[in-house]
Amino acid sequence: MSTNKTSTEQPNQDQAAMKKRKKGFVILAAVIVLAGAGYSAYWHFIGSRYISTDNAYAAVEVAEVTPAVGGIVQRVNVVDTQYVNKGDVLVVIDNTDATLALQQAEADYALARRRVQSYLASDEGLKALVNARAEDEKRAKAQLASVQASFQRAKIDLDRREALVRSGSVSGEELSNAKTAFTQAQAQLNAATAAVNQAVASRLSSIGEQKANYARIDNTTVENNPEVLLAKARYEQAQVNVKRTVIRAPISGVVAKRQVQVGRRVQLGAPLMSIVPVNHIHVDANFKEVQLRHVQVGQSVELTSDLYGDDVVYHGVITGLSGGTGAAFSLIPAQNATGNWIKVVQRLPVRIELDPQELAEHPLQVGLSMEVSVDTDSKVSDKVLAQYRAVPTVQ
């Protein structure tokens, strides 16, 4: 009887184990289905619309401080890491040379004004001189006409006496006197002709002087004459050069890379220091090219920095995509035409402007690492985008 009982219990146990196994498979299949559905839902609603990268860094438009005039550095008022406001005096250059140049330019400006005033005053005198030379020319021509008449009369007298001398009607002395008178008349004619030529030349010379003087003052006054304007421009430039011996901060920010020292002679355009406007940091995020299909200007971005960790989340907007990848702008572009070529996924820099208020509450420095997440389904309004783009990079 015990044997029959054992044989009856064995099928029951097998059936229970099979039911339990089936139940386990059903639960496992349900878990897999739910997991797949959950992942599909996550990918559809979240995963497919967000892209992220940790290849992102804080950046800014750095201002280079360079001198507009050369000279010996007299004073340096700042050091690296010091915060300065726009307009603060950074460096003072010895202004001795610039001051002397200003004094010379001021004197040249005054001389130019007096010179133009003399041009204006000479104009009336030159007009009177031209008229006087014209009258001299008329008088010389009148004298020439008189001398020409005397010459013709002397010539006629000489010809008549030469004709009569053969017949003995005229003495030799009378003929000699006629020849002398003719010679004198001829000399007077030559002198009168030369006087007319001289009078004409004097009149033309006076006209030339008048025209040359008029060209200097034509349609001008003392204030707008080219000579005065040129001297005034040089004077104003000298004034500017004196002011430029005091070098001020072009923007507000932190001093970096200070290279200038007291006593050094600096040349025009030599780098003195840099100023980093830390209040206007943006982020350059380098996304892989396979991530960029749906990235557009105006999409919302969330960012965290290694400096503050996940406790501080920045919000920003994509304001621009670079015109080329980092490799395209490198010193040696990756354009290998040989067979030894390996394809490397390229990255494109994307510019992200941060919320100014959040940046003021949690400042960043240039070069800090950032983690970026972009919502590719988002799109801020044109007004909001314009506000982000209007954030000045230099103040």
Protein backbone atom coordinates (compact mmCIF):
# COMPACT_ATOMS: atom_id res chain seq x y z
CA MET A 1 0.00 0.00 0.00
CA SER A 2 2.88 2.30 0.66
CA THR A 3 4.13 1.60 -2.83
CA ASN A 4 0.85 2.74 -4.35
CA LYS A 5 0.91 5.94 -2.30
CA THR A 6 4.41 6.79 -3.44
CA SER A 7 3.58 6.24 -7.07
CA THR A 8 0.56 8.54 -6.72
CA GLU A 9 2.48 11.42 -5.10
CA GLN A 10 5.24 11.44 -7.75
CA PRO A 11 3.00 12.62 -10.66
CA ASN A 12 1.46 15.26 -8.43
CA GLN A 13 4.90 16.67 -7.57
CA ASP A 14 5.95 16.71 -11.24
CA GLN A 15 2.78 18.57 -12.19
CA ALA A 16 3.35 21.14 -9.43
CA ALA A 17 6.95 21.68 -10.53
CA MET A 18 5.86 22.10 -14.16
CA LYS A 19 3.20 24.63 -13.18
CA LYS A 20 5.74 26.50 -11.11
CA ARG A 21 8.21 26.49 -14.01
CA LYS A 22 5.58 27.76 -16.42
CA LYS A 23 4.64 30.46 -13.97
CA GLY A 24 8.30 31.50 -13.74
CA PHE A 25 8.61 31.66 -17.53
CA VAL A 26 5.45 33.74 -17.72
CA ILE A 27 6.75 36.14 -15.06
CA LEU A 28 10.14 36.34 -16.85
CA ALA A 29 8.43 37.02 -20.17
CA ALA A 30 6.27 39.67 -18.55
CA VAL A 31 9.35 41.29 -17.00
CA ILE A 32 11.11 41.28 -20.37
CA VAL A 33 8.06 42.73 -22.10
CA LEU A 34 7.66 45.39 -19.41
CA ALA A 35 11.38 46.19 -19.55
CA GLY A 36 11.24 46.48 -23.33
CA ALA A 37 8.14 48.62 -23.15
CA GLY A 38 9.72 50.77 -20.45
CA TYR A 39 12.91 51.23 -22.45
CA SER A 40 10.93 51.97 -25.60
CA ALA A 41 8.88 54.54 -23.70
CA TYR A 42 12.04 56.02 -22.20
CA TRP A 43 13.74 56.18 -25.59
CA HIS A 44 10.66 57.64 -27.27
CA PHE A 45 9.92 60.28 -24.69
CA ILE A 46 13.36 60.97 -23.19
CA GLY A 47 16.36 59.14 -24.60
CA SER A 48 15.77 60.03 -28.25
CA ARG A 49 15.41 63.76 -27.55
CA TYR A 50 18.42 64.29 -25.30
CA ILE A 51 22.06 64.25 -26.31
CA SER A 52 24.93 64.82 -23.92
CA THR A 53 28.69 65.16 -23.79
CA ASP A 54 31.39 65.75 -21.22
CA ASN A 55 33.72 67.20 -23.87
CA ALA A 56 32.76 70.77 -23.02
CA TYR A 57 34.67 73.64 -21.49
CA ALA A 58 33.98 77.13 -20.19
CA ALA A 59 35.25 79.81 -22.58
CA VAL A 60 35.16 83.57 -23.00
CA GLU A 61 36.23 86.37 -25.35
CA VAL A 62 39.52 87.43 -23.76
CA ALA A 63 40.61 91.07 -24.16
CA GLU A 64 44.28 91.67 -25.01
CA VAL A 65 45.80 94.83 -23.53
CA THR A 66 48.37 96.44 -25.85
CA PRO A 67 49.88 99.95 -25.92
CA ALA A 68 48.84 102.39 -28.65
CA VAL A 69 52.11 104.34 -28.17
CA GLY A 70 55.61 103.20 -27.35
CA GLY A 71 57.70 104.28 -24.40
CA ILE A 72 59.20 103.34 -21.05
CA VAL A 73 56.80 101.84 -18.51
CA GLN A 74 56.61 104.13 -15.49
CA ARG A 75 54.05 102.32 -13.37
CA VAL A 76 52.10 99.02 -13.32
CA ASN A 77 49.07 99.00 -11.05
CA VAL A 78 47.80 95.41 -11.31
CA VAL A 79 48.94 91.82 -10.85
CA ASP A 80 47.69 88.50 -12.15
CA THR A 81 44.34 87.27 -10.68
CA GLN A 82 43.35 90.85 -9.74
CA TYR A 83 39.82 91.91 -10.68
CA VAL A 84 39.60 95.27 -12.45
CA ASN A 85 36.71 97.39 -13.62
CA LYS A 86 36.42 98.96 -17.04
CA GLY A 87 38.38 102.22 -17.06
CA ASP A 88 40.77 101.35 -14.23
CA VAL A 89 44.38 102.44 -14.83
CA LEU A 90 46.52 99.40 -15.58
CA VAL A 91 49.83 100.78 -16.87
CA VAL A 92 51.36 104.26 -17.11
CA ILE A 93 53.99 105.00 -19.79
CA ASP A 94 56.43 107.92 -19.46
CA ASN A 95 54.82 110.78 -21.39
CA THR A 96 57.87 113.03 -21.87
CA ASP A 97 58.24 112.33 -25.59
CA ALA A 98 54.49 112.52 -26.17
CA THR A 99 54.28 115.87 -24.35
CA LEU A 100 57.10 117.37 -26.44
CA ALA A 101 55.43 116.12 -29.62
CA LEU A 102 52.19 117.74 -28.45
CA GLN A 103 53.89 121.09 -27.90
CA GLN A 104 55.46 120.94 -31.37
CA ALA A 105 52.13 120.04 -32.96
CA GLU A 106 50.44 122.90 -31.11
CA ALA A 107 53.06 125.34 -32.46
CA ASP A 108 52.68 123.98 -36.00
CA TYR A 109 48.93 124.40 -35.73
CA ALA A 110 49.29 128.05 -34.69
CA LEU A 111 51.79 128.69 -37.51
CA ALA A 112 49.44 127.13 -40.05
CA ARG A 113 46.61 129.44 -38.97
CA ARG A 114 48.84 132.51 -39.30
CA ARG A 115 50.14 131.32 -42.66
CA VAL A 116 46.62 130.96 -44.04
CA GLN A 117 45.70 134.35 -42.64
CA SER A 118 48.66 135.78 -44.57
CA TYR A 119 47.38 134.05 -47.73
CA LEU A 120 44.03 135.78 -47.32
CA ALA A 121 45.67 139.11 -46.67
CA SER A 122 48.00 138.72 -49.68
CA ASP A 123 45.13 138.10 -52.06
CA GLU A 124 44.06 141.76 -52.21
CA GLY A 125 47.67 142.93 -52.52
CA LEU A 126 48.31 140.53 -55.40
CA LYS A 127 45.19 141.75 -57.20
CA ALA A 128 46.44 145.36 -56.92
CA LEU A 129 49.90 144.25 -58.09
CA VAL A 130 48.43 142.58 -61.18
CA ASN A 131 46.55 145.81 -62.01
CA ALA A 132 49.73 147.86 -61.52
CA ARG A 133 51.71 145.52 -63.77
CA ALA A 134 48.99 145.86 -66.42
CA GLU A 135 49.28 149.66 -66.28
CA ASP A 136 53.07 149.40 -66.56
CA GLU A 137 52.57 147.26 -69.64
CA LYS A 138 50.26 149.86 -71.19
CA ARG A 139 52.78 152.65 -70.46
CA ALA A 140 55.63 150.63 -71.95
CA LYS A 141 53.61 149.94 -75.10
CA ALA A 142 52.77 153.64 -75.43
CA GLN A 143 56.45 154.52 -75.11
CA LEU A 144 57.24 151.86 -77.69
CA ALA A 145 54.77 153.41 -80.12
CA SER A 146 56.39 156.83 -79.61
CA VAL A 147 59.87 155.40 -80.09
CA GLN A 148 58.73 153.54 -83.20
CA ALA A 149 57.49 156.83 -84.69
CA SER A 150 60.82 158.52 -83.92
CA PHE A 151 62.65 155.59 -85.43
CA GLN A 152 60.60 155.77 -88.64
CA ARG A 153 61.24 159.53 -88.89
CA ALA A 154 64.98 159.04 -88.36
CA LYS A 155 65.04 156.32 -90.97
CA ILE A 156 63.23 158.53 -93.50
CA ASP A 157 65.63 161.42 -92.82
CA LEU A 158 68.60 159.14 -93.29
CA ASP A 159 67.25 157.69 -96.53
CA ARG A 160 66.53 161.21 -97.92
CA ARG A 161 70.03 162.52 -97.10
CA GLU A 162 71.70 159.44 -98.51
CA ALA A 163 69.84 160.07 -101.80
CA LEU A 164 70.82 163.78 -101.85
CA VAL A 165 74.43 163.30 -100.89
CA ARG A 166 75.27 162.07 -104.42
CA SER A 167 74.06 165.25 -105.96
CA GLY A 168 75.95 167.34 -103.44
CA SER A 169 72.81 168.88 -102.03
CA VAL A 170 73.62 167.58 -98.53
CA SER A 171 76.91 167.94 -96.79
CA GLY A 172 78.78 165.06 -95.25
CA GLU A 173 78.30 166.46 -91.77
CA GLU A 174 74.54 166.57 -92.21
CA LEU A 175 74.58 162.96 -93.41
CA SER A 176 76.65 161.95 -90.41
CA ASN A 177 74.18 163.65 -88.07
CA ALA A 178 71.30 161.77 -89.74
CA LYS A 179 73.08 158.45 -89.28
CA THR A 180 73.71 159.24 -85.61
CA ALA A 181 70.06 160.14 -85.08
CA PHE A 182 68.99 156.91 -86.79
CA THR A 183 71.31 154.83 -84.57
CA GLN A 184 69.97 156.54 -81.45
CA ALA A 185 66.38 155.98 -82.60
CA GLN A 186 67.13 152.31 -83.24
CA ALA A 187 68.65 151.92 -79.77
CA GLN A 188 65.65 153.61 -78.19
CA LEU A 189 63.38 151.26 -80.16
CA ASN A 190 65.20 148.20 -78.87
CA ALA A 191 65.06 149.54 -75.32
CA ALA A 192 61.34 150.29 -75.61
CA THR A 193 60.69 146.80 -77.03
CA ALA A 194 62.61 145.23 -74.15
CA ALA A 195 60.65 147.36 -71.69
CA VAL A 196 57.36 146.11 -73.16
CA ASN A 197 58.52 142.49 -72.96
CA GLN A 198 59.59 143.04 -69.36
CA ALA A 199 56.25 144.63 -68.50
CA VAL A 200 54.37 141.71 -70.06
CA ALA A 201 56.53 139.20 -68.17
CA SER A 202 56.00 141.08 -64.90
CA ARG A 203 52.24 141.11 -65.42
CA LEU A 204 52.17 137.38 -66.19
CA SER A 205 54.38 136.67 -63.16
CA SER A 206 52.03 138.64 -60.94
CA ILE A 207 49.06 136.75 -62.36
CA GLY A 208 50.84 133.46 -61.60
CA GLU A 209 51.52 134.53 -58.02
CA GLN A 210 47.90 135.55 -57.65
CA LYS A 211 46.65 132.21 -58.98
CA ALA A 212 49.04 130.28 -56.74
CA ASN A 213 47.88 132.22 -53.72
CA TYR A 214 44.22 131.84 -54.75
CA ALA A 215 44.65 128.07 -55.05
CA ARG A 216 45.62 127.99 -51.36
CA ILE A 217 42.49 129.86 -50.25
CA ASP A 218 39.90 128.94 -52.89
CA ASN A 219 36.52 128.32 -51.21
CA THR A 220 38.14 128.11 -47.77
CA THR A 221 38.38 130.05 -44.55
CA VAL A 222 41.03 129.98 -41.88
CA GLU A 223 39.18 127.17 -40.08
CA ASN A 224 38.59 124.82 -43.02
CA ASN A 225 41.75 125.44 -45.02
CA PRO A 226 43.55 122.14 -45.78
CA GLU A 227 46.82 123.32 -44.26
CA VAL A 228 45.08 124.27 -41.04
CA LEU A 229 43.05 121.05 -40.97
CA LEU A 230 46.22 118.97 -41.43
CA ALA A 231 48.02 120.81 -38.64
CA LYS A 232 44.93 120.51 -36.44
CA ALA A 233 44.70 116.76 -37.06
CA ARG A 234 48.36 116.33 -36.07
CA TYR A 235 47.74 118.42 -32.96
CA GLU A 236 44.72 116.33 -31.98
CA GLN A 237 46.65 113.13 -32.67
CA ALA A 238 49.40 114.36 -30.36
CA GLN A 239 46.77 115.03 -27.68
CA VAL A 240 45.44 111.49 -28.09
CA ASN A 241 48.96 110.06 -27.84
CA VAL A 242 49.49 111.84 -24.53
CA LYS A 243 46.25 110.33 -23.19
CA ARG A 244 47.28 106.90 -24.48
CA THR A 245 50.32 106.87 -22.22
CA VAL A 246 47.80 105.97 -19.51
CA ILE A 247 46.50 102.49 -20.39
CA ARG A 248 43.09 101.66 -18.94
CA ALA A 249 41.14 98.43 -18.70
CA PRO A 250 38.99 98.02 -21.83
CA ILE A 251 36.58 95.70 -19.99
CA SER A 252 35.84 94.46 -16.50
CA GLY A 253 37.42 91.16 -15.58
CA VAL A 254 40.35 89.29 -14.07
CA VAL A 255 43.93 90.13 -15.06
CA ALA A 256 45.83 87.21 -16.60
CA LYS A 257 49.14 86.66 -18.39
CA ARG A 258 50.69 89.92 -17.19
CA GLN A 259 53.99 90.38 -19.02
CA VAL A 260 54.78 94.07 -18.52
CA GLN A 261 57.31 95.26 -15.96
CA VAL A 262 58.31 98.73 -14.71
CA GLY A 263 61.23 100.20 -16.64
CA ARG A 264 60.71 98.13 -19.77
CA ARG A 265 60.47 99.96 -23.10
CA VAL A 266 57.34 98.71 -24.83
CA GLN A 267 56.61 98.97 -28.52
CA LEU A 268 53.36 99.79 -30.26
CA GLY A 269 51.08 96.75 -30.13
CA ALA A 270 53.25 94.68 -27.76
CA PRO A 271 51.14 92.35 -25.53
CA LEU A 272 51.08 93.58 -21.93
CA MET A 273 48.41 91.43 -20.31
CA SER A 274 45.02 89.84 -20.84
CA ILE A 275 41.71 90.52 -19.12
CA VAL A 276 39.20 87.71 -18.74
CA PRO A 277 35.57 88.88 -18.42
CA VAL A 278 34.49 86.10 -16.06
CA ASN A 279 30.97 87.56 -15.85
CA HIS A 280 30.36 86.62 -19.47
CA ILE A 281 31.51 83.02 -19.66
CA HIS A 282 29.99 80.78 -22.31
CA VAL A 283 30.49 77.08 -23.00
CA ASP A 284 31.96 75.41 -26.07
CA ALA A 285 30.56 71.87 -26.24
CA ASN A 286 32.20 69.47 -28.71
CA PHE A 287 29.53 67.03 -29.87
CA LYS A 288 30.22 64.03 -32.05
CA GLU A 289 29.07 64.41 -35.61
CA VAL A 290 26.59 61.53 -35.15
CA GLN A 291 24.85 63.54 -32.41
CA LEU A 292 24.27 66.68 -34.43
CA ARG A 293 21.42 65.63 -36.70
CA HIS A 294 18.73 67.33 -34.63
CA VAL A 295 20.83 70.04 -32.94
CA GLN A 296 19.68 73.57 -33.79
CA VAL A 297 20.19 77.11 -32.58
CA GLY A 298 17.70 78.02 -29.85
CA GLN A 299 17.50 74.62 -28.12
CA SER A 300 17.57 74.50 -24.33
CA VAL A 301 20.59 73.12 -22.51
CA GLU A 302 21.31 71.97 -18.98
CA LEU A 303 24.89 72.01 -17.74
CA THR A 304 26.88 70.99 -14.70
CA SER A 305 30.49 71.74 -13.88
CA ASP A 306 33.09 69.64 -12.16
CA LEU A 307 33.73 72.67 -9.92
CA TYR A 308 30.30 72.56 -8.24
CA GLY A 309 29.18 69.05 -9.10
CA ASP A 310 25.58 67.99 -9.68
CA ASP A 311 24.31 70.28 -6.93
CA VAL A 312 24.47 73.29 -9.28
CA VAL A 313 22.67 73.05 -12.62
CA TYR A 314 23.13 75.81 -15.18
CA HIS A 315 20.60 76.53 -17.89
CA GLY A 316 21.52 77.89 -21.29
CA VAL A 317 20.64 78.11 -24.96
CA ILE A 318 22.50 77.06 -28.09
CA THR A 319 23.38 80.29 -29.91
CA GLY A 320 25.61 78.99 -32.69
CA LEU A 321 27.36 76.05 -34.35
CA SER A 322 30.94 76.30 -35.52
CA GLY A 323 31.68 76.51 -39.23
CA GLY A 324 34.04 73.53 -39.04
CA THR A 325 35.30 70.75 -36.82
CA GLY A 326 38.29 71.09 -34.57
CA ALA A 327 40.36 68.90 -36.88
CA ALA A 328 39.54 71.14 -39.86
CA PHE A 329 41.04 74.17 -38.09
CA SER A 330 44.05 72.39 -36.61
CA LEU A 331 47.59 73.22 -37.72
CA ILE A 332 47.82 69.89 -39.51
CA PRO A 333 44.32 69.02 -40.85
CA ALA A 334 43.43 65.33 -41.01
CA GLN A 335 43.50 65.01 -44.81
CA ASN A 336 45.58 61.88 -45.27
CA ALA A 337 45.53 60.83 -48.93
CA THR A 338 47.62 57.69 -48.39
CA GLY A 339 46.41 54.18 -47.62
CA ASN A 340 47.34 54.46 -43.93
CA TRP A 341 44.11 56.16 -42.95
CA ILE A 342 41.84 55.51 -40.00
CA LYS A 343 38.46 57.14 -39.76
CA VAL A 344 37.99 59.11 -36.55
CA VAL A 345 34.65 60.45 -35.42
CA GLN A 346 34.84 64.23 -35.64
CA ARG A 347 33.49 66.73 -33.13
CA LEU A 348 31.89 70.08 -33.89
CA PRO A 349 32.04 72.96 -31.38
CA VAL A 350 28.62 74.25 -30.31
CA ARG A 351 28.38 77.61 -28.53
CA ILE A 352 26.11 77.74 -25.49
CA GLU A 353 25.25 80.98 -23.67
CA LEU A 354 24.51 80.63 -19.96
CA ASP A 355 21.87 82.29 -17.83
CA PRO A 356 23.60 85.48 -16.55
CA GLN A 357 21.89 85.31 -13.15
CA GLU A 358 22.98 81.71 -12.56
CA LEU A 359 26.49 82.56 -13.71
CA ALA A 360 26.62 85.48 -11.28
CA GLU A 361 25.52 83.23 -8.42
CA HIS A 362 28.03 80.50 -9.28
CA PRO A 363 30.96 82.02 -11.19
CA LEU A 364 33.08 79.96 -13.57
CA GLN A 365 36.60 80.36 -14.89
CA VAL A 366 37.89 79.79 -18.38
CA GLY A 367 38.79 76.20 -19.19
CA LEU A 368 36.69 74.45 -16.52
CA SER A 369 35.17 71.14 -17.56
CA MET A 370 31.41 71.02 -18.11
CA GLU A 371 28.83 68.31 -18.76
CA VAL A 372 26.15 69.27 -21.26
CA SER A 373 22.70 67.85 -21.99
CA VAL A 374 20.66 69.24 -24.90
CA ASP A 375 16.92 68.82 -25.30
CA THR A 376 16.59 68.53 -29.08
CA ASP A 377 12.80 68.79 -28.91
CA SER A 378 12.91 72.17 -27.19
CA LYS A 379 12.90 75.55 -28.90
CA VAL A 380 13.03 78.86 -27.07
CA SER A 381 11.24 81.88 -28.49
CA ASP A 382 13.01 84.35 -30.72
CA LYS A 383 12.69 86.94 -27.96
CA VAL A 384 14.46 84.72 -25.42
CA LEU A 385 17.13 83.79 -27.98
CA ALA A 386 17.70 87.46 -28.71
CA GLN A 387 18.15 88.11 -24.98
CA TYR A 388 20.82 85.43 -24.75
CA ARG A 389 22.55 86.69 -27.85
CA ALA A 390 22.36 90.26 -26.53
CA VAL A 391 24.42 89.34 -23.48
CA PRO A 392 27.60 91.35 -24.12
CA THR A 393 30.85 89.43 -24.14
CA VAL A 394 32.75 92.65 -23.45
CA GLN A 395 31.82 95.50 -21.16
